[in-house]
C-alpha atoms as a PDB file:
ATOM      1  CA  MET A   1       0.006   0.000   0.000  1.00  0.00           C
ATOM      2  CA  LYS A   2       0.989   3.668  -0.335  1.00  0.00           C
ATOM      3  CA  ALA A   3       1.591   5.850   2.709  1.00  0.00           C
ATOM      4  CA  ILE A   4       3.033   9.281   3.401  1.00  0.00           C
ATOM      5  CA  ARG A   5       5.867   8.931   5.875  1.00  0.00           C
ATOM      6  CA  LEU A   6       8.256  11.177   7.693  1.00  0.00           C
ATOM      7  CA  HIS A   7      11.881   9.973   7.880  1.00  0.00           C
ATOM      8  CA  HIS A   8      13.211  13.226   9.326  1.00  0.00           C
ATOM      9  CA  THR A   9      11.558  16.399  10.570  1.00  0.00           C
ATOM     10  CA  GLY A  10      11.486  19.515   8.415  1.00  0.00           C
ATOM     11  CA  GLY A  11       9.434  21.350   5.847  1.00  0.00           C
ATOM     12  CA  PRO A  12       6.704  19.917   3.618  1.00  0.00           C
ATOM     13  CA  GLU A  13       9.409  18.375   1.420  1.00  0.00           C
ATOM     14  CA  ALA A  14      10.093  15.916   4.270  1.00  0.00           C
ATOM     15  CA  LEU A  15       6.818  14.111   3.432  1.00  0.00           C
ATOM     16  CA  VAL A  16       7.647  11.026   1.354  1.00  0.00           C
ATOM     17  CA  LEU A  17       5.339   8.598  -0.453  1.00  0.00           C
ATOM     18  CA  ASP A  18       6.464   5.084   0.572  1.00  0.00           C
ATOM     19  CA  ASP A  19       5.406   1.536  -0.243  1.00  0.00           C
ATOM     20  CA  LEU A  20       4.498  -0.416   2.892  1.00  0.00           C
ATOM     21  CA  PRO A  21       2.914  -3.826   3.566  1.00  0.00           C
ATOM     22  CA  GLU A  22      -0.851  -3.725   4.020  1.00  0.00           C
ATOM     23  CA  PRO A  23      -1.474  -3.995   7.774  1.00  0.00           C
ATOM     24  CA  THR A  24      -3.029  -6.992   9.476  1.00  0.00           C
ATOM     25  CA  PRO A  25      -5.090  -6.471  12.628  1.00  0.00           C
ATOM     26  CA  ALA A  26      -3.702  -7.394  16.012  1.00  0.00           C
ATOM     27  CA  ALA A  27      -5.999  -8.352  18.869  1.00  0.00           C
ATOM     28  CA  GLY A  28      -8.457  -5.548  19.502  1.00  0.00           C
ATOM     29  CA  GLN A  29      -7.735  -3.843  16.162  1.00  0.00           C
ATOM     30  CA  ALA A  30      -9.600  -3.377  12.901  1.00  0.00           C
ATOM     31  CA  VAL A  31      -8.112  -2.559   9.513  1.00  0.00           C
ATOM     32  CA  VAL A  32      -9.771   0.357   7.742  1.00  0.00           C
ATOM     33  CA  LYS A  33      -9.517   0.955   3.999  1.00  0.00           C
ATOM     34  CA  ILE A  34      -9.198   4.722   4.052  1.00  0.00           C
ATOM     35  CA  GLU A  35     -11.356   6.756   1.693  1.00  0.00           C
ATOM     36  CA  ALA A  36     -10.349  10.147   3.075  1.00  0.00           C
ATOM     37  CA  ALA A  37      -7.902  11.400   5.708  1.00  0.00           C
ATOM     38  CA  GLY A  38      -8.141  14.754   7.429  1.00  0.00           C
ATOM     39  CA  LEU A  39      -5.296  17.268   7.519  1.00  0.00           C
ATOM     40  CA  ASN A  40      -4.878  19.013  10.867  1.00  0.00           C
ATOM     41  CA  TYR A  41      -2.354  21.410  12.357  1.00  0.00           C
ATOM     42  CA  ILE A  42      -1.122  18.682  14.704  1.00  0.00           C
ATOM     43  CA  ASP A  43       0.305  17.009  11.586  1.00  0.00           C
ATOM     44  CA  VAL A  44       2.422  20.113  10.998  1.00  0.00           C
ATOM     45  CA  TYR A  45       3.610  20.028  14.618  1.00  0.00           C
ATOM     46  CA  PHE A  46       4.842  16.444  14.160  1.00  0.00           C
ATOM     47  CA  ARG A  47       6.387  17.183  10.763  1.00  0.00           C
ATOM     48  CA  THR A  48       8.399  20.131  12.074  1.00  0.00           C
ATOM     49  CA  GLY A  49       9.460  18.354  15.257  1.00  0.00           C
ATOM     50  CA  LEU A  50       7.505  20.583  17.636  1.00  0.00           C
ATOM     51  CA  TYR A  51       5.809  17.355  18.729  1.00  0.00           C
ATOM     52  CA  ARG A  52       8.041  14.282  18.894  1.00  0.00           C
ATOM     53  CA  GLY A  53       7.343  10.890  17.338  1.00  0.00           C
ATOM     54  CA  GLU A  54       9.452   7.825  16.641  1.00  0.00           C
ATOM     55  CA  LEU A  55      10.773   8.034  13.086  1.00  0.00           C
ATOM     56  CA  PRO A  56       9.969   6.956  10.490  1.00  0.00           C
ATOM     57  CA  LEU A  57       6.275   7.553  11.090  1.00  0.00           C
ATOM     58  CA  THR A  58       3.113   7.796   9.057  1.00  0.00           C
ATOM     59  CA  LEU A  59       1.377  11.099   9.723  1.00  0.00           C
ATOM     60  CA  GLY A  60      -2.336  11.721  10.114  1.00  0.00           C
ATOM     61  CA  PHE A  61      -4.718  11.442  13.053  1.00  0.00           C
ATOM     62  CA  GLU A  62      -8.117  11.308  11.359  1.00  0.00           C
ATOM     63  CA  ALA A  63      -9.763   9.283   8.618  1.00  0.00           C
ATOM     64  CA  ALA A  64     -12.886   7.496   7.457  1.00  0.00           C
ATOM     65  CA  GLY A  65     -13.485   4.430   5.333  1.00  0.00           C
ATOM     66  CA  THR A  66     -14.585   0.799   5.462  1.00  0.00           C
ATOM     67  CA  VAL A  67     -13.532  -2.009   7.791  1.00  0.00           C
ATOM     68  CA  THR A  68     -11.778  -4.780   5.806  1.00  0.00           C
ATOM     69  CA  ALA A  69     -10.543  -7.041   8.641  1.00  0.00           C
ATOM     70  CA  VAL A  70     -10.851  -7.403  12.404  1.00  0.00           C
ATOM     71  CA  GLY A  71      -8.571  -8.964  14.986  1.00  0.00           C
ATOM     72  CA  SER A  72      -9.474 -11.275  17.802  1.00  0.00           C
ATOM     73  CA  GLY A  73     -11.658  -9.939  20.573  1.00  0.00           C
ATOM     74  CA  VAL A  74     -13.231  -7.198  18.457  1.00  0.00           C
ATOM     75  CA  ALA A  75     -16.935  -6.679  19.122  1.00  0.00           C
ATOM     76  CA  GLU A  76     -17.294  -2.980  18.282  1.00  0.00           C
ATOM     77  CA  VAL A  77     -17.211  -3.258  14.471  1.00  0.00           C
ATOM     78  CA  ARG A  78     -17.549  -5.832  11.688  1.00  0.00           C
ATOM     79  CA  VAL A  79     -16.093  -6.204   8.209  1.00  0.00           C
ATOM     80  CA  GLY A  80     -18.001  -3.906   5.854  1.00  0.00           C
ATOM     81  CA  ASP A  81     -18.873  -1.288   8.452  1.00  0.00           C
ATOM     82  CA  ARG A  82     -18.452   2.346   7.428  1.00  0.00           C
ATOM     83  CA  VAL A  83     -16.457   4.057  10.160  1.00  0.00           C
ATOM     84  CA  ALA A  84     -14.490   7.148  11.130  1.00  0.00           C
ATOM     85  CA  TYR A  85     -11.881   7.849  13.771  1.00  0.00           C
ATOM     86  CA  ALA A  86      -9.617  10.504  15.216  1.00  0.00           C
ATOM     87  CA  GLY A  87      -6.611  10.523  17.507  1.00  0.00           C
ATOM     88  CA  VAL A  88      -4.807   7.477  16.089  1.00  0.00           C
ATOM     89  CA  LEU A  89      -1.573   8.126  14.210  1.00  0.00           C
ATOM     90  CA  GLY A  90      -1.141   6.718  10.692  1.00  0.00           C
ATOM     91  CA  ALA A  91      -4.033   8.057   8.605  1.00  0.00           C
ATOM     92  CA  TYR A  92      -1.952   9.279   5.627  1.00  0.00           C
ATOM     93  CA  ALA A  93      -2.223   5.843   3.996  1.00  0.00           C
ATOM     94  CA  GLN A  94      -4.468   3.581   1.965  1.00  0.00           C
ATOM     95  CA  TYR A  95      -5.037   1.269   4.954  1.00  0.00           C
ATOM     96  CA  ALA A  96      -4.626   1.650   8.714  1.00  0.00           C
ATOM     97  CA  ALA A  97      -4.853  -0.732  11.670  1.00  0.00           C
ATOM     98  CA  VAL A  98      -6.840   1.078  14.345  1.00  0.00           C
ATOM     99  CA  PRO A  99      -7.930   0.104  17.885  1.00  0.00           C
ATOM    100  CA  ALA A 100     -11.525  -0.966  17.357  1.00  0.00           C
ATOM    101  CA  ASP A 101     -12.751   0.937  20.392  1.00  0.00           C
ATOM    102  CA  ARG A 102     -11.640   4.186  18.719  1.00  0.00           C
ATOM    103  CA  LEU A 103     -13.891   3.627  15.679  1.00  0.00           C
ATOM    104  CA  VAL A 104     -17.386   5.125  15.409  1.00  0.00           C
ATOM    105  CA  ALA A 105     -20.051   4.230  12.908  1.00  0.00           C
ATOM    106  CA  LEU A 106     -20.959   6.689  10.167  1.00  0.00           C
ATOM    107  CA  PRO A 107     -24.685   7.438   9.860  1.00  0.00           C
ATOM    108  CA  PRO A 108     -26.164   6.458   6.478  1.00  0.00           C
ATOM    109  CA  ALA A 109     -26.487  10.098   5.386  1.00  0.00           C
ATOM    110  CA  VAL A 110     -22.858  10.968   6.190  1.00  0.00           C
ATOM    111  CA  SER A 111     -20.230  10.206   3.528  1.00  0.00           C
ATOM    112  CA  ALA A 112     -16.696   9.060   4.259  1.00  0.00           C
ATOM    113  CA  ARG A 113     -15.407  12.464   3.185  1.00  0.00           C
ATOM    114  CA  GLN A 114     -17.779  14.160   5.588  1.00  0.00           C
ATOM    115  CA  GLY A 115     -16.767  11.732   8.332  1.00  0.00           C
ATOM    116  CA  ALA A 116     -13.083  12.461   7.847  1.00  0.00           C
ATOM    117  CA  ALA A 117     -13.818  16.195   7.818  1.00  0.00           C
ATOM    118  CA  ALA A 118     -15.932  16.071  10.961  1.00  0.00           C
ATOM    119  CA  MET A 119     -14.059  13.915  13.421  1.00  0.00           C
ATOM    120  CA  LEU A 120     -10.989  15.612  14.870  1.00  0.00           C
ATOM    121  CA  GLN A 121     -12.027  19.204  14.362  1.00  0.00           C
ATOM    122  CA  GLY A 122     -15.658  18.443  15.177  1.00  0.00           C
ATOM    123  CA  LEU A 123     -14.825  16.611  18.382  1.00  0.00           C
ATOM    124  CA  THR A 124     -12.454  19.426  19.308  1.00  0.00           C
ATOM    125  CA  ALA A 125     -15.120  22.087  18.762  1.00  0.00           C
ATOM    126  CA  HIS A 126     -17.571  19.932  20.717  1.00  0.00           C
ATOM    127  CA  TYR A 127     -15.457  19.610  23.846  1.00  0.00           C
ATOM    128  CA  LEU A 128     -14.368  23.259  23.706  1.00  0.00           C
ATOM    129  CA  GLY A 129     -17.939  24.547  23.615  1.00  0.00           C
ATOM    130  CA  THR A 130     -19.666  21.954  25.802  1.00  0.00           C
ATOM    131  CA  ALA A 131     -17.094  20.875  28.392  1.00  0.00           C
ATOM    132  CA  THR A 132     -13.972  23.031  28.720  1.00  0.00           C
ATOM    133  CA  TRP A 133     -16.151  26.126  29.047  1.00  0.00           C
ATOM    134  CA  PRO A 134     -19.763  24.939  28.676  1.00  0.00           C
ATOM    135  CA  LEU A 135     -21.291  27.830  26.786  1.00  0.00           C
ATOM    136  CA  ARG A 136     -24.731  28.978  27.815  1.00  0.00           C
ATOM    137  CA  PRO A 137     -27.153  31.790  26.932  1.00  0.00           C
ATOM    138  CA  GLY A 138     -25.734  35.102  28.092  1.00  0.00           C
ATOM    139  CA  ASP A 139     -22.115  34.117  27.475  1.00  0.00           C
ATOM    140  CA  THR A 140     -19.978  35.954  24.945  1.00  0.00           C
ATOM    141  CA  CYS A 141     -17.032  34.063  23.453  1.00  0.00           C
ATOM    142  CA  LEU A 142     -14.092  35.175  21.340  1.00  0.00           C
ATOM    143  CA  VAL A 143     -13.168  32.660  18.613  1.00  0.00           C
ATOM    144  CA  HIS A 144      -9.808  33.183  16.918  1.00  0.00           C
ATOM    145  CA  ALA A 145      -9.204  31.819  13.402  1.00  0.00           C
ATOM    146  CA  ALA A 146     -12.947  31.551  13.025  1.00  0.00           C
ATOM    147  CA  ALA A 147     -12.810  30.620   9.330  1.00  0.00           C
ATOM    148  CA  GLY A 148     -10.583  27.607   9.993  1.00  0.00           C
ATOM    149  CA  GLY A 149     -11.761  24.054  10.412  1.00  0.00           C
ATOM    150  CA  VAL A 150     -12.342  24.187  14.179  1.00  0.00           C
ATOM    151  CA  GLY A 151     -13.420  27.824  14.109  1.00  0.00           C
ATOM    152  CA  LEU A 152     -16.314  27.362  11.687  1.00  0.00           C
ATOM    153  CA  LEU A 153     -17.639  24.418  13.669  1.00  0.00           C
ATOM    154  CA  LEU A 154     -17.137  26.121  17.034  1.00  0.00           C
ATOM    155  CA  CYS A 155     -19.056  29.188  15.882  1.00  0.00           C
ATOM    156  CA  GLN A 156     -21.997  26.972  14.938  1.00  0.00           C
ATOM    157  CA  ILE A 157     -21.924  25.030  18.212  1.00  0.00           C
ATOM    158  CA  ALA A 158     -21.676  28.245  20.220  1.00  0.00           C
ATOM    159  CA  LYS A 159     -24.799  29.565  18.494  1.00  0.00           C
ATOM    160  CA  MET A 160     -26.633  26.277  19.130  1.00  0.00           C
ATOM    161  CA  ARG A 161     -25.929  26.839  22.828  1.00  0.00           C
ATOM    162  CA  GLY A 162     -27.191  30.394  22.790  1.00  0.00           C
ATOM    163  CA  ALA A 163     -23.910  32.276  23.145  1.00  0.00           C
ATOM    164  CA  ARG A 164     -22.863  35.486  21.436  1.00  0.00           C
ATOM    165  CA  VAL A 165     -19.879  34.932  19.135  1.00  0.00           C
ATOM    166  CA  ILE A 166     -17.149  37.465  18.370  1.00  0.00           C
ATOM    167  CA  ALA A 167     -14.845  36.082  15.680  1.00  0.00           C
ATOM    168  CA  THR A 168     -11.425  37.108  14.407  1.00  0.00           C
ATOM    169  CA  VAL A 169     -10.271  36.460  10.832  1.00  0.00           C
ATOM    170  CA  SER A 170      -7.662  37.846   8.453  1.00  0.00           C
ATOM    171  CA  THR A 171      -9.646  38.715   5.296  1.00  0.00           C
ATOM    172  CA  GLN A 172     -13.067  39.905   4.151  1.00  0.00           C
ATOM    173  CA  GLY A 173     -13.679  36.563   2.464  1.00  0.00           C
ATOM    174  CA  LYS A 174     -13.029  34.730   5.705  1.00  0.00           C
ATOM    175  CA  ALA A 175     -15.248  37.227   7.521  1.00  0.00           C
ATOM    176  CA  GLU A 176     -18.176  36.194   5.324  1.00  0.00           C
ATOM    177  CA  LEU A 177     -17.545  32.537   6.128  1.00  0.00           C
ATOM    178  CA  ALA A 178     -17.500  33.281   9.856  1.00  0.00           C
ATOM    179  CA  ARG A 179     -20.767  35.234   9.598  1.00  0.00           C
ATOM    180  CA  GLY A 180     -22.268  32.337   7.672  1.00  0.00           C
ATOM    181  CA  ALA A 181     -21.306  30.053  10.563  1.00  0.00           C
ATOM    182  CA  GLY A 182     -23.194  32.275  12.998  1.00  0.00           C
ATOM    183  CA  ALA A 183     -20.647  34.817  14.227  1.00  0.00           C
ATOM    184  CA  ASP A 184     -22.461  37.872  15.573  1.00  0.00           C
ATOM    185  CA  GLU A 185     -19.451  40.165  15.167  1.00  0.00           C
ATOM    186  CA  VAL A 186     -16.321  39.685  13.071  1.00  0.00           C
ATOM    187  CA  ILE A 187     -13.002  41.470  13.619  1.00  0.00           C
ATOM    188  CA  LEU A 188     -10.387  41.673  10.870  1.00  0.00           C
ATOM    189  CA  TYR A 189      -7.278  41.348  12.995  1.00  0.00           C
ATOM    190  CA  SER A 190      -5.107  42.338  10.017  1.00  0.00           C
ATOM    191  CA  GLU A 191      -6.771  45.777  10.044  1.00  0.00           C
ATOM    192  CA  GLN A 192      -8.127  46.197  13.577  1.00  0.00           C
ATOM    193  CA  ASP A 193      -6.852  45.799  17.130  1.00  0.00           C
ATOM    194  CA  PHE A 194      -8.936  42.859  18.277  1.00  0.00           C
ATOM    195  CA  GLU A 195      -8.535  43.726  21.969  1.00  0.00           C
ATOM    196  CA  ALA A 196      -9.888  47.236  21.445  1.00  0.00           C
ATOM    197  CA  GLU A 197     -12.707  45.927  19.270  1.00  0.00           C
ATOM    198  CA  VAL A 198     -13.752  43.311  21.818  1.00  0.00           C
ATOM    199  CA  LYS A 199     -13.935  45.963  24.516  1.00  0.00           C
ATOM    200  CA  ARG A 200     -15.943  48.248  22.196  1.00  0.00           C
ATOM    201  CA  LEU A 201     -18.350  45.523  21.117  1.00  0.00           C
ATOM    202  CA  THR A 202     -19.015  44.469  24.709  1.00  0.00           C
ATOM    203  CA  ASP A 203     -19.220  48.014  26.140  1.00  0.00           C
ATOM    204  CA  GLY A 204     -16.166  47.215  28.233  1.00  0.00           C
ATOM    205  CA  ARG A 205     -17.630  44.071  29.812  1.00  0.00           C
ATOM    206  CA  LYS A 206     -15.361  41.810  27.718  1.00  0.00           C
ATOM    207  CA  VAL A 207     -15.929  38.065  27.179  1.00  0.00           C
ATOM    208  CA  GLN A 208     -16.388  34.998  29.339  1.00  0.00           C
ATOM    209  CA  VAL A 209     -14.108  32.767  27.281  1.00  0.00           C
ATOM    210  CA  VAL A 210     -11.418  33.065  24.600  1.00  0.00           C
ATOM    211  CA  TYR A 211     -10.916  30.063  22.314  1.00  0.00           C
ATOM    212  CA  ASP A 212      -7.360  30.445  20.983  1.00  0.00           C
ATOM    213  CA  GLY A 213      -5.833  27.996  18.527  1.00  0.00           C
ATOM    214  CA  VAL A 214      -3.320  30.572  17.255  1.00  0.00           C
ATOM    215  CA  GLY A 215      -1.053  30.962  20.260  1.00  0.00           C
ATOM    216  CA  LYS A 216       1.979  33.228  20.209  1.00  0.00           C
ATOM    217  CA  THR A 217       0.540  36.219  18.320  1.00  0.00           C
ATOM    218  CA  THR A 218      -2.847  36.341  20.068  1.00  0.00           C
ATOM    219  CA  PHE A 219      -2.404  34.971  23.588  1.00  0.00           C
ATOM    220  CA  ALA A 220      -1.294  38.022  25.584  1.00  0.00           C
ATOM    221  CA  LYS A 221      -3.896  40.370  24.142  1.00  0.00           C
ATOM    222  CA  GLY A 222      -6.514  37.653  24.513  1.00  0.00           C
ATOM    223  CA  LEU A 223      -6.032  37.669  28.294  1.00  0.00           C
ATOM    224  CA  ASP A 224      -6.996  41.354  28.253  1.00  0.00           C
ATOM    225  CA  CYS A 225     -10.271  40.473  26.496  1.00  0.00           C
ATOM    226  CA  LEU A 226     -11.496  38.356  29.416  1.00  0.00           C
ATOM    227  CA  ALA A 227     -14.023  39.426  32.017  1.00  0.00           C
ATOM    228  CA  PRO A 228     -13.238  38.654  35.675  1.00  0.00           C
ATOM    229  CA  ARG A 229     -13.137  34.863  36.261  1.00  0.00           C
ATOM    230  CA  GLY A 230     -13.115  34.300  32.510  1.00  0.00           C
ATOM    231  CA  MET A 231     -11.213  31.452  30.877  1.00  0.00           C
ATOM    232  CA  MET A 232      -8.432  31.425  28.302  1.00  0.00           C
ATOM    233  CA  VAL A 233      -8.701  28.155  26.378  1.00  0.00           C
ATOM    234  CA  LEU A 234      -5.432  27.716  24.514  1.00  0.00           C
ATOM    235  CA  TYR A 235      -6.033  24.687  22.310  1.00  0.00           C
ATOM    236  CA  GLY A 236      -3.391  25.231  19.600  1.00  0.00           C
ATOM    237  CA  GLN A 237      -0.369  27.253  18.581  1.00  0.00           C
ATOM    238  CA  ALA A 238      -0.510  27.818  14.846  1.00  0.00           C
ATOM    239  CA  SER A 239       1.629  30.962  15.147  1.00  0.00           C
ATOM    240  CA  GLY A 240       4.115  29.371  17.550  1.00  0.00           C
ATOM    241  CA  PRO A 241       4.274  28.392  21.206  1.00  0.00           C
ATOM    242  CA  VAL A 242       3.323  30.834  23.939  1.00  0.00           C
ATOM    243  CA  GLY A 243       6.173  31.932  26.213  1.00  0.00           C
ATOM    244  CA  SER A 244       6.398  31.558  29.971  1.00  0.00           C
ATOM    245  CA  LEU A 245       3.675  33.077  32.136  1.00  0.00           C
ATOM    246  CA  ASP A 246       3.765  34.189  35.768  1.00  0.00           C
ATOM    247  CA  PRO A 247       0.516  32.891  37.313  1.00  0.00           C
ATOM    248  CA  GLN A 248       0.230  36.201  39.177  1.00  0.00           C
ATOM    249  CA  VAL A 249      -0.780  37.714  35.820  1.00  0.00           C
ATOM    250  CA  LEU A 250      -4.035  35.720  35.990  1.00  0.00           C
ATOM    251  CA  ASN A 251      -4.786  37.269  39.383  1.00  0.00           C
ATOM    252  CA  ALA A 252      -3.984  40.790  38.242  1.00  0.00           C
ATOM    253  CA  LYS A 253      -6.202  40.524  35.178  1.00  0.00           C
ATOM    254  CA  GLY A 254      -9.283  39.346  37.073  1.00  0.00           C
ATOM    255  CA  SER A 255      -8.736  35.939  38.695  1.00  0.00           C
ATOM    256  CA  LEU A 256      -8.667  34.366  35.255  1.00  0.00           C
ATOM    257  CA  PHE A 257      -8.525  30.675  34.405  1.00  0.00           C
ATOM    258  CA  LEU A 258      -6.066  29.232  31.888  1.00  0.00           C
ATOM    259  CA  THR A 259      -6.250  25.757  30.363  1.00  0.00           C
ATOM    260  CA  ARG A 260      -4.347  23.975  27.607  1.00  0.00           C
ATOM    261  CA  PRO A 261      -6.679  21.101  26.667  1.00  0.00           C
ATOM    262  CA  THR A 262      -6.261  18.319  24.147  1.00  0.00           C
ATOM    263  CA  LEU A 263      -8.846  16.066  22.548  1.00  0.00           C
ATOM    264  CA  ALA A 264      -7.469  12.808  23.961  1.00  0.00           C
ATOM    265  CA  HIS A 265      -8.430  13.827  27.490  1.00  0.00           C
ATOM    266  CA  TYR A 266     -12.035  14.544  26.450  1.00  0.00           C
ATOM    267  CA  VAL A 267     -12.599  11.136  24.839  1.00  0.00           C
ATOM    268  CA  LEU A 268     -10.893   9.023  27.473  1.00  0.00           C
ATOM    269  CA  THR A 269     -13.610   6.338  27.427  1.00  0.00           C
ATOM    270  CA  ARG A 270     -15.441   4.774  24.514  1.00  0.00           C
ATOM    271  CA  GLU A 271     -18.703   6.039  25.999  1.00  0.00           C
ATOM    272  CA  GLU A 272     -17.479   9.620  25.925  1.00  0.00           C
ATOM    273  CA  LEU A 273     -16.118   9.206  22.382  1.00  0.00           C
ATOM    274  CA  ARG A 274     -19.418   7.775  21.146  1.00  0.00           C
ATOM    275  CA  ALA A 275     -21.418  10.537  22.844  1.00  0.00           C
ATOM    276  CA  ARG A 276     -19.368  13.352  21.334  1.00  0.00           C
ATOM    277  CA  ALA A 277     -19.111  11.726  17.915  1.00  0.00           C
ATOM    278  CA  GLY A 278     -22.809  10.895  18.033  1.00  0.00           C
ATOM    279  CA  ASP A 279     -23.637  14.564  18.519  1.00  0.00           C
ATOM    280  CA  ILE A 280     -21.295  15.772  15.771  1.00  0.00           C
ATOM    281  CA  LEU A 281     -22.182  13.165  13.146  1.00  0.00           C
ATOM    282  CA  GLY A 282     -25.854  13.423  14.050  1.00  0.00           C
ATOM    283  CA  TRP A 283     -25.818  17.192  13.572  1.00  0.00           C
ATOM    284  CA  VAL A 284     -24.053  16.759  10.226  1.00  0.00           C
ATOM    285  CA  SER A 285     -26.600  14.128   9.215  1.00  0.00           C
ATOM    286  CA  ASP A 286     -29.630  16.292   9.994  1.00  0.00           C
ATOM    287  CA  GLY A 287     -28.112  19.490   8.627  1.00  0.00           C
ATOM    288  CA  ARG A 288     -27.701  21.399  11.880  1.00  0.00           C
ATOM    289  CA  LEU A 289     -23.896  21.406  11.533  1.00  0.00           C
ATOM    290  CA  ARG A 290     -22.480  22.405   8.163  1.00  0.00           C
ATOM    291  CA  LEU A 291     -19.050  21.218   7.093  1.00  0.00           C
ATOM    292  CA  ARG A 292     -16.868  23.199   4.746  1.00  0.00           C
ATOM    293  CA  ILE A 293     -14.494  20.967   2.794  1.00  0.00           C
ATOM    294  CA  ASP A 294     -12.153  23.436   1.173  1.00  0.00           C
ATOM    295  CA  LEU A 295      -9.670  21.152  -0.598  1.00  0.00           C
ATOM    296  CA  GLU A 296      -9.493  17.486  -1.574  1.00  0.00           C
ATOM    297  CA  VAL A 297      -5.869  16.634  -2.407  1.00  0.00           C
ATOM    298  CA  PRO A 298      -4.454  13.308  -3.682  1.00  0.00           C
ATOM    299  CA  LEU A 299      -2.459  11.533  -0.986  1.00  0.00           C
ATOM    300  CA  GLN A 300       0.770  11.824  -2.948  1.00  0.00           C
ATOM    301  CA  ASP A 301       0.418  15.631  -2.888  1.00  0.00           C
ATOM    302  CA  ALA A 302       0.373  15.875   0.899  1.00  0.00           C
ATOM    303  CA  ALA A 303       3.287  18.348   0.819  1.00  0.00           C
ATOM    304  CA  ALA A 304       1.224  20.805  -1.242  1.00  0.00           C
ATOM    305  CA  ALA A 305      -1.646  20.447   1.220  1.00  0.00           C
ATOM    306  CA  HIS A 306       0.697  21.248   4.114  1.00  0.00           C
ATOM    307  CA  ARG A 307       1.968  24.347   2.308  1.00  0.00           C
ATOM    308  CA  ALA A 308      -1.603  25.563   1.769  1.00  0.00           C
ATOM    309  CA  LEU A 309      -2.497  25.020   5.422  1.00  0.00           C
ATOM    310  CA  GLU A 310       0.600  26.709   6.809  1.00  0.00           C
ATOM    311  CA  GLY A 311       0.251  29.593   4.385  1.00  0.00           C
ATOM    312  CA  ARG A 312      -3.290  30.240   5.685  1.00  0.00           C
ATOM    313  CA  HIS A 313      -4.656  29.699   2.197  1.00  0.00           C
ATOM    314  CA  THR A 314      -7.377  27.311   3.412  1.00  0.00           C
ATOM    315  CA  THR A 315     -10.771  27.786   4.998  1.00  0.00           C
ATOM    316  CA  GLY A 316     -12.559  24.855   6.563  1.00  0.00           C
ATOM    317  CA  LYS A 317     -11.254  21.329   6.000  1.00  0.00           C
ATOM    318  CA  VAL A 318      -8.481  19.885   3.852  1.00  0.00           C
ATOM    319  CA  LEU A 319      -8.742  16.192   2.964  1.00  0.00           C
ATOM    320  CA  LEU A 320      -6.154  13.788   1.564  1.00  0.00           C
ATOM    321  CA  ILE A 321      -7.627  11.191  -0.789  1.00  0.00           C
ATOM    322  CA  PRO A 322      -5.658   7.906  -1.112  1.00  0.00           C
END
């Protein structure tokens, strides 16, 4: 089978198309013939070496397809089932052996491409808006990178839960996408000071929660957008890692909360995974949650897809098609 592997860390050119044996399932695993794999910023972190993995490794944490084989002791899925998963390394390939308890069934109305587009970013948006800071009517949230994959879904989930959404984006085109996803106010951070705009839009009351997947360039000013006892949710670092922080700063700025969550800790059990995925895929199925698949790129062109993502030339989801 074909797979995109990383033999050394570096730029997009480090992604190499290799020939590998088709996997066989170990006990508790199922083999999935991948129809679409999702591209996420965590893949960039592994490629550049910001996150460490044992080399050589096959990138990709999210895919959807059809089960072709199961190992001993597997009761969760059967051969022929249409499934999706997130959080298991090795999705940039034609086949992957995946722990069966990490697989979720795709509803009949949800395609494999939609499943691959919905899982990692959808589950992330779900836990951010329903668990890390459970949004409720009367809350105002600030969503950075609101035209990205997580951002567009988080805006929609925030509106489902009755919150007011202030979004930041870089261009007018992305502003329209954020408004289409339910953002009440959109700030062009390339032209406006988002901290000043947040204070203006809230009459100085500021926001209850900041959802920040950007990191270095937005973090410090984001703290100044929070109301007393508000929460900074730093869930990514697309612009680079945030520097050191004296906890006394959180006191001085209003007894703030700071968390750095990751999806794995919000789907620790199969029951929690199925509940979150059931919500996301169910909302996609009935039309309440709209996915934006921006690019579908052949697997062998993964480097080009990485360049587009890092260059902020994408909106919504990028898929790799084996």
